[in-house]
PDB file of N, CA and C in Angstrom:
ATOM      1  N   UNK A   1      11.214 -17.411  -4.865  1.00  0.00           N
ATOM      2  CA  UNK A   1       9.910 -16.737  -5.401  1.00  0.00           C
ATOM      3  C   UNK A   1      10.411 -16.566  -6.960  1.00  0.00           C
ATOM      4  N   UNK A   2       9.849 -17.061  -8.130  1.00  0.00           N
ATOM      5  CA  UNK A   2      10.237 -16.570  -9.328  1.00  0.00           C
ATOM      6  C   UNK A   2       9.429 -15.485  -9.650  1.00  0.00           C
ATOM      7  N   UNK A   3       9.742 -14.527 -10.946  1.00  0.00           N
ATOM      8  CA  UNK A   3       8.709 -13.649 -11.453  1.00  0.00           C
ATOM      9  C   UNK A   3       7.778 -13.563 -11.596  1.00  0.00           C
ATOM     10  N   UNK A   4       7.007 -14.660 -12.127  1.00  0.00           N
ATOM     11  CA  UNK A   4       5.629 -15.284 -12.234  1.00  0.00           C
ATOM     12  C   UNK A   4       5.206 -15.087 -11.071  1.00  0.00           C
ATOM     13  N   UNK A   5       5.573 -15.701  -9.881  1.00  0.00           N
ATOM     14  CA  UNK A   5       4.821 -15.543  -8.495  1.00  0.00           C
ATOM     15  C   UNK A   5       4.977 -14.121  -8.449  1.00  0.00           C
ATOM     16  N   UNK A   6       6.019 -13.521  -8.454  1.00  0.00           N
ATOM     17  CA  UNK A   6       6.000 -12.198  -7.949  1.00  0.00           C
ATOM     18  C   UNK A   6       5.005 -11.377  -8.770  1.00  0.00           C
ATOM     19  N   UNK A   7       5.071 -11.406  -9.808  1.00  0.00           N
ATOM     20  CA  UNK A   7       4.050 -10.684 -10.678  1.00  0.00           C
ATOM     21  C   UNK A   7       2.606 -10.817 -10.374  1.00  0.00           C
ATOM     22  N   UNK A   8       2.036 -12.202 -10.024  1.00  0.00           N
ATOM     23  CA  UNK A   8       0.841 -12.751  -9.471  1.00  0.00           C
ATOM     24  C   UNK A   8       0.495 -11.870  -8.181  1.00  0.00           C
ATOM     25  N   UNK A   9       1.212 -11.716  -7.131  1.00  0.00           N
ATOM     26  CA  UNK A   9       0.875 -11.102  -5.874  1.00  0.00           C
ATOM     27  C   UNK A   9       1.224  -9.796  -6.316  1.00  0.00           C
ATOM     28  N   UNK A  10       2.069  -9.099  -7.266  1.00  0.00           N
ATOM     29  CA  UNK A  10       1.514  -7.619  -7.403  1.00  0.00           C
ATOM     30  C   UNK A  10       0.365  -7.386  -7.867  1.00  0.00           C
ATOM     31  N   UNK A  11      -0.247  -8.211  -9.214  1.00  0.00           N
ATOM     32  CA  UNK A  11      -1.339  -8.020  -9.493  1.00  0.00           C
ATOM     33  C   UNK A  11      -2.435  -8.074  -8.481  1.00  0.00           C
ATOM     34  N   UNK A  12      -2.671  -9.192  -7.815  1.00  0.00           N
ATOM     35  CA  UNK A  12      -3.522  -9.402  -6.579  1.00  0.00           C
ATOM     36  C   UNK A  12      -3.714  -8.224  -5.458  1.00  0.00           C
ATOM     37  N   UNK A  13      -2.416  -7.879  -5.365  1.00  0.00           N
ATOM     38  CA  UNK A  13      -2.543  -6.698  -4.358  1.00  0.00           C
ATOM     39  C   UNK A  13      -3.296  -5.595  -4.975  1.00  0.00           C
ATOM     40  N   UNK A  14      -3.491  -5.372  -6.076  1.00  0.00           N
ATOM     41  CA  UNK A  14      -3.882  -4.333  -6.627  1.00  0.00           C
ATOM     42  C   UNK A  14      -5.334  -4.433  -7.054  1.00  0.00           C
ATOM     43  N   UNK A  15      -5.887  -5.214  -7.087  1.00  0.00           N
ATOM     44  CA  UNK A  15      -7.262  -6.068  -7.443  1.00  0.00           C
ATOM     45  C   UNK A  15      -7.994  -5.949  -6.468  1.00  0.00           C
ATOM     46  N   UNK A  16      -8.153  -4.734  -5.685  1.00  0.00           N
ATOM     47  CA  UNK A  16      -8.957  -4.696  -4.558  1.00  0.00           C
ATOM     48  C   UNK A  16      -9.133  -3.445  -4.331  1.00  0.00           C
ATOM     49  N   UNK A  17     -10.552  -2.715  -4.326  1.00  0.00           N
ATOM     50  CA  UNK A  17     -10.746  -1.221  -4.379  1.00  0.00           C
ATOM     51  C   UNK A  17     -10.436  -0.511  -2.871  1.00  0.00           C
ATOM     52  N   UNK A  18     -10.118  -1.274  -1.792  1.00  0.00           N
ATOM     53  CA  UNK A  18      -9.717  -0.291  -0.582  1.00  0.00           C
ATOM     54  C   UNK A  18      -8.280  -0.573  -0.784  1.00  0.00           C
ATOM     55  N   UNK A  19      -7.674  -1.376  -1.297  1.00  0.00           N
ATOM     56  CA  UNK A  19      -6.086  -1.111  -1.479  1.00  0.00           C
ATOM     57  C   UNK A  19      -5.799  -0.095  -2.263  1.00  0.00           C
ATOM     58  N   UNK A  20      -6.730   0.221  -3.643  1.00  0.00           N
ATOM     59  CA  UNK A  20      -6.277   1.182  -3.954  1.00  0.00           C
ATOM     60  C   UNK A  20      -6.551   2.444  -3.636  1.00  0.00           C
ATOM     61  N   UNK A  21      -7.762   2.594  -2.705  1.00  0.00           N
ATOM     62  CA  UNK A  21      -7.902   3.665  -1.657  1.00  0.00           C
ATOM     63  C   UNK A  21      -6.670   3.917  -0.716  1.00  0.00           C
ATOM     64  N   UNK A  22      -6.428   3.023  -0.338  1.00  0.00           N
ATOM     65  CA  UNK A  22      -4.909   3.340   0.379  1.00  0.00           C
ATOM     66  C   UNK A  22      -3.920   3.851  -0.404  1.00  0.00           C
ATOM     67  N   UNK A  23      -3.490   3.406  -1.597  1.00  0.00           N
ATOM     68  CA  UNK A  23      -2.463   4.172  -2.673  1.00  0.00           C
ATOM     69  C   UNK A  23      -3.053   5.377  -2.670  1.00  0.00           C
ATOM     70  N   UNK A  24      -4.348   5.511  -2.840  1.00  0.00           N
ATOM     71  CA  UNK A  24      -4.827   7.397  -3.256  1.00  0.00           C
ATOM     72  C   UNK A  24      -4.154   8.083  -2.267  1.00  0.00           C
ATOM     73  N   UNK A  25      -4.817   7.451  -0.964  1.00  0.00           N
ATOM     74  CA  UNK A  25      -4.554   8.134   0.281  1.00  0.00           C
ATOM     75  C   UNK A  25      -2.876   8.097   0.594  1.00  0.00           C
ATOM     76  N   UNK A  26      -1.881   7.299   0.576  1.00  0.00           N
ATOM     77  CA  UNK A  26      -0.480   7.767   0.442  1.00  0.00           C
ATOM     78  C   UNK A  26      -0.126   8.383  -0.581  1.00  0.00           C
ATOM     79  N   UNK A  27      -0.609   8.384  -1.405  1.00  0.00           N
ATOM     80  CA  UNK A  27       0.015   9.431  -2.649  1.00  0.00           C
ATOM     81  C   UNK A  27      -0.494  10.903  -2.523  1.00  0.00           C
ATOM     82  N   UNK A  28      -1.438  11.079  -1.929  1.00  0.00           N
ATOM     83  CA  UNK A  28      -2.026  12.433  -1.333  1.00  0.00           C
ATOM     84  C   UNK A  28      -1.070  13.036   0.066  1.00  0.00           C
ATOM     85  N   UNK A  29      -1.028  11.884   0.911  1.00  0.00           N
ATOM     86  CA  UNK A  29      -0.607  12.394   2.127  1.00  0.00           C
ATOM     87  C   UNK A  29       1.268  11.813   2.364  1.00  0.00           C
ATOM     88  N   UNK A  30       1.581  11.246   1.515  1.00  0.00           N
ATOM     89  CA  UNK A  30       3.010  10.769   1.611  1.00  0.00           C
ATOM     90  C   UNK A  30       3.164   9.718   2.491  1.00  0.00           C
ATOM     91  N   UNK A  31       3.263   9.902   3.923  1.00  0.00           N
ATOM     92  CA  UNK A  31       3.299   8.746   4.729  1.00  0.00           C
ATOM     93  C   UNK A  31       2.281   9.045   5.734  1.00  0.00           C
ATOM     94  N   UNK A  32       1.586   8.026   6.643  1.00  0.00           N
ATOM     95  CA  UNK A  32       0.866   7.795   7.458  1.00  0.00           C
ATOM     96  C   UNK A  32       0.729   6.555   8.093  1.00  0.00           C
ATOM     97  N   UNK A  33       0.343   6.561   9.405  1.00  0.00           N
ATOM     98  CA  UNK A  33       0.216   5.483  10.427  1.00  0.00           C
ATOM     99  C   UNK A  33      -1.263   4.952  10.061  1.00  0.00           C
ATOM    100  N   UNK A  34      -1.148   3.523  10.702  1.00  0.00           N
ATOM    101  CA  UNK A  34      -2.613   2.974  10.098  1.00  0.00           C
ATOM    102  C   UNK A  34      -3.921   3.469  10.571  1.00  0.00           C
ATOM    103  N   UNK A  35      -3.788   3.807  11.827  1.00  0.00           N
ATOM    104  CA  UNK A  35      -4.979   4.669  12.293  1.00  0.00           C
ATOM    105  C   UNK A  35      -5.399   5.824  11.171  1.00  0.00           C
ATOM    106  N   UNK A  36      -4.391   6.375  10.780  1.00  0.00           N
ATOM    107  CA  UNK A  36      -4.897   7.428   9.918  1.00  0.00           C
ATOM    108  C   UNK A  36      -5.431   7.375   8.590  1.00  0.00           C
ATOM    109  N   UNK A  37      -4.848   6.088   8.194  1.00  0.00           N
ATOM    110  CA  UNK A  37      -5.236   5.432   6.781  1.00  0.00           C
ATOM    111  C   UNK A  37      -6.649   4.881   7.053  1.00  0.00           C
ATOM    112  N   UNK A  38      -6.846   4.127   8.093  1.00  0.00           N
ATOM    113  CA  UNK A  38      -8.052   3.551   8.486  1.00  0.00           C
ATOM    114  C   UNK A  38      -9.283   4.899   8.144  1.00  0.00           C
ATOM    115  N   UNK A  39      -9.020   5.890   9.041  1.00  0.00           N
ATOM    116  CA  UNK A  39      -9.887   6.569   9.001  1.00  0.00           C
ATOM    117  C   UNK A  39     -10.122   7.449   7.715  1.00  0.00           C
ATOM    118  N   UNK A  40      -9.229   7.730   6.925  1.00  0.00           N
ATOM    119  CA  UNK A  40      -9.188   8.298   5.707  1.00  0.00           C
ATOM    120  C   UNK A  40      -9.690   7.415   4.596  1.00  0.00           C
ATOM    121  N   UNK A  41      -9.942   6.301   4.890  1.00  0.00           N
ATOM    122  CA  UNK A  41     -10.600   5.421   3.733  1.00  0.00           C
ATOM    123  C   UNK A  41     -11.892   5.016   4.358  1.00  0.00           C
ATOM    124  N   UNK A  42     -12.099   5.041   5.756  1.00  0.00           N
ATOM    125  CA  UNK A  42     -13.503   4.645   6.223  1.00  0.00           C
ATOM    126  C   UNK A  42     -13.493   3.288   6.374  1.00  0.00           C
ATOM    127  N   UNK A  43     -12.471   2.465   6.882  1.00  0.00           N
ATOM    128  CA  UNK A  43     -12.341   1.134   6.994  1.00  0.00           C
ATOM    129  C   UNK A  43     -11.866   0.881   8.605  1.00  0.00           C
ATOM    130  N   UNK A  44     -12.265  -0.282   8.997  1.00  0.00           N
ATOM    131  CA  UNK A  44     -11.591  -0.805  10.206  1.00  0.00           C
ATOM    132  C   UNK A  44     -10.604  -0.986  10.206  1.00  0.00           C
ATOM    133  N   UNK A  45      -9.801  -0.685  11.367  1.00  0.00           N
ATOM    134  CA  UNK A  45      -8.302  -0.961  11.589  1.00  0.00           C
ATOM    135  C   UNK A  45      -7.628  -2.369  11.071  1.00  0.00           C
ATOM    136  N   UNK A  46      -8.512  -3.247  11.608  1.00  0.00           N
ATOM    137  CA  UNK A  46      -8.262  -4.334  11.552  1.00  0.00           C
ATOM    138  C   UNK A  46      -7.978  -4.842  10.017  1.00  0.00           C
ATOM    139  N   UNK A  47      -9.147  -4.418   9.288  1.00  0.00           N
ATOM    140  CA  UNK A  47      -8.888  -4.690   7.961  1.00  0.00           C
ATOM    141  C   UNK A  47      -8.171  -4.086   7.022  1.00  0.00           C
ATOM    142  N   UNK A  48      -7.870  -2.583   7.572  1.00  0.00           N
ATOM    143  CA  UNK A  48      -6.595  -2.066   7.040  1.00  0.00           C
ATOM    144  C   UNK A  48      -5.306  -2.422   7.138  1.00  0.00           C
ATOM    145  N   UNK A  49      -5.122  -3.125   8.358  1.00  0.00           N
ATOM    146  CA  UNK A  49      -4.052  -3.654   8.813  1.00  0.00           C
ATOM    147  C   UNK A  49      -3.583  -4.784   7.800  1.00  0.00           C
ATOM    148  N   UNK A  50      -4.487  -5.671   7.189  1.00  0.00           N
ATOM    149  CA  UNK A  50      -4.543  -6.544   6.497  1.00  0.00           C
ATOM    150  C   UNK A  50      -4.146  -6.329   5.166  1.00  0.00           C
ATOM    151  N   UNK A  51      -4.753  -5.126   4.772  1.00  0.00           N
ATOM    152  CA  UNK A  51      -4.693  -4.734   3.176  1.00  0.00           C
ATOM    153  C   UNK A  51      -3.254  -4.102   3.181  1.00  0.00           C
ATOM    154  N   UNK A  52      -2.576  -3.487   4.269  1.00  0.00           N
ATOM    155  CA  UNK A  52      -1.487  -2.922   4.413  1.00  0.00           C
ATOM    156  C   UNK A  52      -0.482  -4.010   4.358  1.00  0.00           C
ATOM    157  N   UNK A  53      -0.676  -5.072   4.863  1.00  0.00           N
ATOM    158  CA  UNK A  53       0.412  -6.294   4.730  1.00  0.00           C
ATOM    159  C   UNK A  53       0.426  -6.758   3.588  1.00  0.00           C
ATOM    160  N   UNK A  54      -0.915  -6.791   2.886  1.00  0.00           N
ATOM    161  CA  UNK A  54      -0.969  -7.327   1.361  1.00  0.00           C
ATOM    162  C   UNK A  54      -0.172  -6.476   0.470  1.00  0.00           C
ATOM    163  N   UNK A  55      -0.322  -5.152   0.762  1.00  0.00           N
ATOM    164  CA  UNK A  55       0.413  -4.166  -0.530  1.00  0.00           C
ATOM    165  C   UNK A  55       2.086  -4.186   0.057  1.00  0.00           C
ATOM    166  N   UNK A  56       2.088  -4.613   1.529  1.00  0.00           N
ATOM    167  CA  UNK A  56       3.761  -4.494   1.760  1.00  0.00           C
ATOM    168  C   UNK A  56       4.270  -5.758   1.119  1.00  0.00           C
ATOM    169  N   UNK A  57       3.645  -6.619   1.164  1.00  0.00           N
ATOM    170  CA  UNK A  57       3.987  -7.817   0.673  1.00  0.00           C
ATOM    171  C   UNK A  57       4.411  -8.005  -0.670  1.00  0.00           C
ATOM    172  N   UNK A  58       3.909  -7.071  -1.305  1.00  0.00           N
ATOM    173  CA  UNK A  58       3.935  -6.997  -2.912  1.00  0.00           C
ATOM    174  C   UNK A  58       4.762  -5.754  -3.384  1.00  0.00           C
ATOM    175  N   UNK A  59       5.514  -5.340  -2.438  1.00  0.00           N
ATOM    176  CA  UNK A  59       6.572  -4.134  -2.393  1.00  0.00           C
ATOM    177  C   UNK A  59       6.093  -3.068  -3.125  1.00  0.00           C
ATOM    178  N   UNK A  60       4.576  -2.753  -2.859  1.00  0.00           N
ATOM    179  CA  UNK A  60       3.968  -1.810  -3.351  1.00  0.00           C
ATOM    180  C   UNK A  60       4.158  -0.446  -2.316  1.00  0.00           C
ATOM    181  N   UNK A  61       4.258  -0.902  -1.034  1.00  0.00           N
ATOM    182  CA  UNK A  61       4.123  -0.044  -0.269  1.00  0.00           C
ATOM    183  C   UNK A  61       5.405  -0.197   0.705  1.00  0.00           C
ATOM    184  N   UNK A  62       6.159   0.737   1.645  1.00  0.00           N
ATOM    185  CA  UNK A  62       7.130   0.344   2.478  1.00  0.00           C
ATOM    186  C   UNK A  62       6.684   0.515   4.235  1.00  0.00           C
ATOM    187  N   UNK A  63       7.191   0.115   5.108  1.00  0.00           N
ATOM    188  CA  UNK A  63       6.882   0.803   6.426  1.00  0.00           C
ATOM    189  C   UNK A  63       8.193   0.982   7.346  1.00  0.00           C
ATOM    190  N   UNK A  64       7.913   2.234   7.717  1.00  0.00           N
ATOM    191  CA  UNK A  64       9.197   2.582   8.490  1.00  0.00           C
ATOM    192  C   UNK A  64       8.848   3.105  10.064  1.00  0.00           C
ATOM    193  N   UNK A  65       9.546   2.242  11.061  1.00  0.00           N
ATOM    194  CA  UNK A  65       8.889   2.544  12.555  1.00  0.00           C
ATOM    195  C   UNK A  65       9.701   3.369  13.043  1.00  0.00           C
ATOM    196  N   UNK A  66       9.196   4.352  13.748  1.00  0.00           N
ATOM    197  CA  UNK A  66       9.604   5.538  14.332  1.00  0.00           C
ATOM    198  C   UNK A  66       9.066   5.567  15.973  1.00  0.00           C
ATOM    199  N   UNK A  67      10.207   5.200  16.829  1.00  0.00           N
ATOM    200  CA  UNK A  67       9.750   5.130  18.015  1.00  0.00           C
ATOM    201  C   UNK A  67       8.335   4.160  18.252  1.00  0.00           C
ATOM    202  N   UNK A  68       7.210   4.426  18.491  1.00  0.00           N
ATOM    203  CA  UNK A  68       6.488   3.334  18.900  1.00  0.00           C
ATOM    204  C   UNK A  68       5.261   3.627  17.421  1.00  0.00           C
ATOM    205  N   UNK A  69       5.421   4.379  16.546  1.00  0.00           N
ATOM    206  CA  UNK A  69       4.795   4.309  15.290  1.00  0.00           C
ATOM    207  C   UNK A  69       5.122   3.708  14.023  1.00  0.00           C
ATOM    208  N   UNK A  70       3.963   3.078  13.244  1.00  0.00           N
ATOM    209  CA  UNK A  70       5.083   2.517  12.196  1.00  0.00           C
ATOM    210  C   UNK A  70       4.170   3.633  10.961  1.00  0.00           C
ATOM    211  N   UNK A  71       4.768   3.966  10.084  1.00  0.00           N
ATOM    212  CA  UNK A  71       4.488   4.776   9.135  1.00  0.00           C
ATOM    213  C   UNK A  71       4.588   4.093   7.904  1.00  0.00           C
ATOM    214  N   UNK A  72       3.553   4.271   6.977  1.00  0.00           N
ATOM    215  CA  UNK A  72       3.463   3.497   5.669  1.00  0.00           C
ATOM    216  C   UNK A  72       3.662   4.633   4.848  1.00  0.00           C
ATOM    217  N   UNK A  73       4.674   4.431   3.681  1.00  0.00           N
ATOM    218  CA  UNK A  73       4.833   5.100   2.259  1.00  0.00           C
ATOM    219  C   UNK A  73       4.643   4.301   1.082  1.00  0.00           C
ATOM    220  N   UNK A  74       4.130   4.851  -0.169  1.00  0.00           N
ATOM    221  CA  UNK A  74       4.364   4.337  -1.255  1.00  0.00           C
ATOM    222  C   UNK A  74       6.104   3.740  -1.327  1.00  0.00           C
ATOM    223  N   UNK A  75       6.394   2.463  -2.177  1.00  0.00           N
ATOM    224  CA  UNK A  75       7.375   2.266  -2.165  1.00  0.00           C
ATOM    225  C   UNK A  75       8.532   2.910  -2.977  1.00  0.00           C
ATOM    226  N   UNK A  76       9.657   3.250  -2.417  1.00  0.00           N
ATOM    227  CA  UNK A  76      10.856   3.872  -2.859  1.00  0.00           C
ATOM    228  C   UNK A  76      11.159   3.510  -4.120  1.00  0.00           C
ATOM    229  N   UNK A  77      10.963   2.087  -4.385  1.00  0.00           N
ATOM    230  CA  UNK A  77      11.383   1.198  -5.697  1.00  0.00           C
ATOM    231  C   UNK A  77      10.404   1.095  -6.393  1.00  0.00           C
ATOM    232  N   UNK A  78       9.402   2.183  -6.976  1.00  0.00           N
ATOM    233  CA  UNK A  78       8.402   1.718  -7.851  1.00  0.00           C
ATOM    234  C   UNK A  78       8.992   1.440  -9.314  1.00  0.00           C
ATOM    235  N   UNK A  79       8.493   0.235  -9.753  1.00  0.00           N
ATOM    236  CA  UNK A  79       8.611  -0.088 -11.502  1.00  0.00           C
ATOM    237  C   UNK A  79       7.563   0.638 -12.093  1.00  0.00           C
ATOM    238  N   UNK A  80       7.951   0.650 -13.718  1.00  0.00           N
ATOM    239  CA  UNK A  80       7.242   1.337 -14.399  1.00  0.00           C
ATOM    240  C   UNK A  80       5.581   1.004 -14.218  1.00  0.00           C
ATOM    241  N   UNK A  81       5.166  -0.067 -14.026  1.00  0.00           N
ATOM    242  CA  UNK A  81       3.966  -0.489 -14.203  1.00  0.00           C
ATOM    243  C   UNK A  81       3.034   0.202 -12.805  1.00  0.00           C
ATOM    244  N   UNK A  82       3.821   0.069 -11.699  1.00  0.00           N
ATOM    245  CA  UNK A  82       3.468   0.981 -10.716  1.00  0.00           C
ATOM    246  C   UNK A  82       3.544   2.414 -10.613  1.00  0.00           C
ATOM    247  N   UNK A  83       4.398   3.149 -11.214  1.00  0.00           N
ATOM    248  CA  UNK A  83       4.493   4.307 -11.665  1.00  0.00           C
ATOM    249  C   UNK A  83       3.291   4.896 -12.642  1.00  0.00           C
ATOM    250  N   UNK A  84       3.104   4.087 -13.214  1.00  0.00           N
ATOM    251  CA  UNK A  84       1.705   3.869 -14.289  1.00  0.00           C
ATOM    252  C   UNK A  84       0.408   3.906 -13.812  1.00  0.00           C
ATOM    253  N   UNK A  85       0.264   2.917 -12.873  1.00  0.00           N
ATOM    254  CA  UNK A  85      -0.706   2.941 -12.002  1.00  0.00           C
ATOM    255  C   UNK A  85      -1.319   4.102 -11.019  1.00  0.00           C
ATOM    256  N   UNK A  86       0.082   4.667 -10.713  1.00  0.00           N
ATOM    257  CA  UNK A  86      -0.053   5.540  -9.603  1.00  0.00           C
ATOM    258  C   UNK A  86      -0.787   6.957 -10.584  1.00  0.00           C
ATOM    259  N   UNK A  87      -0.132   7.273 -11.650  1.00  0.00           N
ATOM    260  CA  UNK A  87      -0.692   8.234 -12.538  1.00  0.00           C
ATOM    261  C   UNK A  87      -2.035   8.219 -12.833  1.00  0.00           C
ATOM    262  N   UNK A  88      -2.699   6.929 -12.777  1.00  0.00           N
ATOM    263  CA  UNK A  88      -4.008   7.087 -13.224  1.00  0.00           C
ATOM    264  C   UNK A  88      -4.877   7.197 -11.698  1.00  0.00           C
ATOM    265  N   UNK A  89      -4.438   6.815 -10.589  1.00  0.00           N
ATOM    266  CA  UNK A  89      -5.395   7.355  -9.475  1.00  0.00           C
ATOM    267  C   UNK A  89      -5.440   8.560  -9.107  1.00  0.00           C
TER     268      UNK A  89
END
């Protein structure tokens, strides 16, 4: 995947209000499992999972499995663009 494709995936991942709400939720809470995120942004579990996949594919968030649970957090490798976006949220 070239840089132009990566940039397109990144931009598309942030071009949705529900995904931005997920980022705000994770910024406030640090880490959470999918059902906590879904409850926090008032979205169905299946839809939340789809949005999380898109954000993960764009390297905006990361997931860590602990036992039976998968915890989502903001990516540890935030670039300057994502850092600035998070400041605005």
